[in-house]
Amino acid sequence: MAKCDEGYRCEVCGRDVESVCDSDLYLRFVLGEVPLELLHRLRERHIRCNPALAQYIAHPNFAPVACAGPFARAELDPAFVRAEEERVTRGYLRLLAIPTLGLAVPEYPLSVTPDV
């Protein structure tokens, strides 16, 4: 079966990642952490299946995620945590908006200025 016929399975839980709004890969792409040319080659997972990143999303429709170990928010510098929460939540809001924006995939990433 061709990869495109298999859908996008989460490498952590094995279930389908059914929406771009649930995609850790696309969240990282929106944040500028994944280059466009690698987007089709990297493994997919649900945002919640990546607690190291998901713990920074502060949104009323996203239940908090706990990350254990040295990368847990409680173990990190509070200024870093605030900055990450702002950055990742901004990326998550962009991800939620993508289905309504009519953008081409190369236009998904956030600009470097926070007003977009």
Protein backbone atom coordinates (compact mmCIF):
# COMPACT_ATOMS: atom_id res chain seq x y z
CA MET A 1 0.00 0.00 0.00
CA ALA A 2 1.29 3.46 -0.86
CA LYS A 3 2.19 5.72 2.07
CA CYS A 4 -0.50 8.23 1.02
CA ASP A 5 -3.11 5.45 1.15
CA GLU A 6 -2.19 4.58 4.73
CA GLY A 7 -3.15 7.94 6.18
CA TYR A 8 -1.08 9.59 8.83
CA ARG A 9 -0.57 7.30 11.81
CA CYS A 10 0.79 8.57 15.08
CA GLU A 11 4.20 7.05 15.75
CA VAL A 12 3.42 7.05 19.49
CA CYS A 13 -0.14 5.71 19.87
CA GLY A 14 -0.68 4.20 16.40
CA ARG A 15 -4.04 5.92 15.80
CA ASP A 16 -4.75 8.17 12.82
CA VAL A 17 -3.93 11.86 13.09
CA GLU A 18 -7.18 12.91 11.50
CA SER A 19 -6.81 16.69 11.37
CA VAL A 20 -4.07 19.22 10.85
CA CYS A 21 -5.33 20.75 14.11
CA ASP A 22 -4.17 17.61 15.97
CA SER A 23 -0.82 17.31 14.19
CA ASP A 24 2.41 17.70 16.11
CA LEU A 25 4.30 17.66 12.81
CA TYR A 26 2.29 20.57 11.42
CA LEU A 27 2.50 22.47 14.71
CA ARG A 28 6.28 22.19 14.57
CA PHE A 29 6.16 23.26 10.90
CA VAL A 30 4.05 26.31 11.79
CA LEU A 31 6.57 27.15 14.53
CA GLY A 32 9.44 26.99 12.03
CA GLU A 33 11.00 23.88 13.57
CA VAL A 34 10.43 21.65 10.52
CA PRO A 35 11.51 22.80 7.06
CA LEU A 36 9.03 22.44 4.19
CA GLU A 37 11.28 20.01 2.32
CA LEU A 38 11.17 17.55 5.25
CA LEU A 39 7.46 17.81 5.98
CA HIS A 40 6.54 14.78 3.85
CA ARG A 41 9.43 12.67 5.17
CA LEU A 42 9.05 12.99 8.94
CA ARG A 43 6.92 10.79 11.18
CA GLU A 44 3.59 12.09 12.43
CA ARG A 45 2.11 12.10 15.93
CA HIS A 46 -0.72 13.78 17.79
CA ILE A 47 0.13 16.99 19.62
CA ARG A 48 -0.88 15.31 22.88
CA CYS A 49 1.53 12.44 22.12
CA ASN A 50 4.42 14.92 22.37
CA PRO A 51 4.09 16.18 25.96
CA ALA A 52 7.41 18.06 25.82
CA LEU A 53 5.78 20.49 23.35
CA ALA A 54 2.08 20.11 24.26
CA GLN A 55 2.67 21.20 27.86
CA TYR A 56 3.13 24.78 26.59
CA ILE A 57 -0.28 25.12 24.92
CA ALA A 58 -2.53 27.41 26.96
CA HIS A 59 -5.95 27.31 25.31
CA PRO A 60 -9.39 26.72 26.83
CA ASN A 61 -10.16 23.89 24.37
CA PHE A 62 -6.85 22.10 24.94
CA ALA A 63 -6.69 20.16 28.19
CA PRO A 64 -3.33 20.66 29.92
CA VAL A 65 -0.68 18.04 29.25
CA ALA A 66 1.90 17.07 31.86
CA CYS A 67 5.45 16.26 30.91
CA ALA A 68 7.50 14.24 33.37
CA GLY A 69 11.23 14.38 33.85
CA PRO A 70 13.87 17.02 33.20
CA PHE A 71 11.83 18.74 30.46
CA ALA A 72 8.78 19.29 32.68
CA ARG A 73 7.74 22.92 33.01
CA ALA A 74 8.35 22.82 36.76
CA GLU A 75 12.00 21.93 36.16
CA LEU A 76 12.67 24.85 33.78
CA ASP A 77 13.36 28.54 34.16
CA PRO A 78 10.04 30.44 34.61
CA ALA A 79 11.00 33.05 31.99
CA PHE A 80 11.70 30.29 29.47
CA VAL A 81 8.39 28.61 30.31
CA ARG A 82 6.46 31.88 29.77
CA ALA A 83 8.20 32.48 26.44
CA GLU A 84 7.55 28.92 25.27
CA GLU A 85 3.91 29.09 26.34
CA GLU A 86 3.46 32.27 24.31
CA ARG A 87 5.29 30.87 21.27
CA VAL A 88 3.66 27.42 21.22
CA THR A 89 0.18 28.73 22.00
CA ARG A 90 0.55 31.24 19.16
CA GLY A 91 1.52 28.36 16.86
CA TYR A 92 -1.43 26.30 18.07
CA LEU A 93 -3.83 29.18 17.36
CA ARG A 94 -2.40 29.41 13.85
CA LEU A 95 -2.84 25.65 13.43
CA LEU A 96 -6.50 25.93 14.48
CA ALA A 97 -7.03 28.71 11.91
CA ILE A 98 -5.37 26.96 8.97
CA PRO A 99 -8.51 25.15 7.74
CA THR A 100 -10.26 28.51 7.30
CA LEU A 101 -7.39 30.63 5.95
CA GLY A 102 -7.17 29.25 2.40
CA LEU A 103 -3.37 29.12 2.52
CA ALA A 104 -0.97 26.97 0.56
CA VAL A 105 1.24 24.74 2.75
CA PRO A 106 4.35 26.97 2.33
CA GLU A 107 2.31 29.82 3.85
CA TYR A 108 1.44 27.94 7.07
CA PRO A 109 4.43 28.99 9.20
CA LEU A 110 4.11 32.00 11.44
CA SER A 111 5.91 35.16 10.57
CA VAL A 112 8.64 36.30 12.92
CA THR A 113 6.48 39.20 14.11
CA PRO A 114 3.74 38.24 16.62
CA ASP A 115 0.97 40.21 14.88
CA VAL A 116 0.31 37.47 12.28
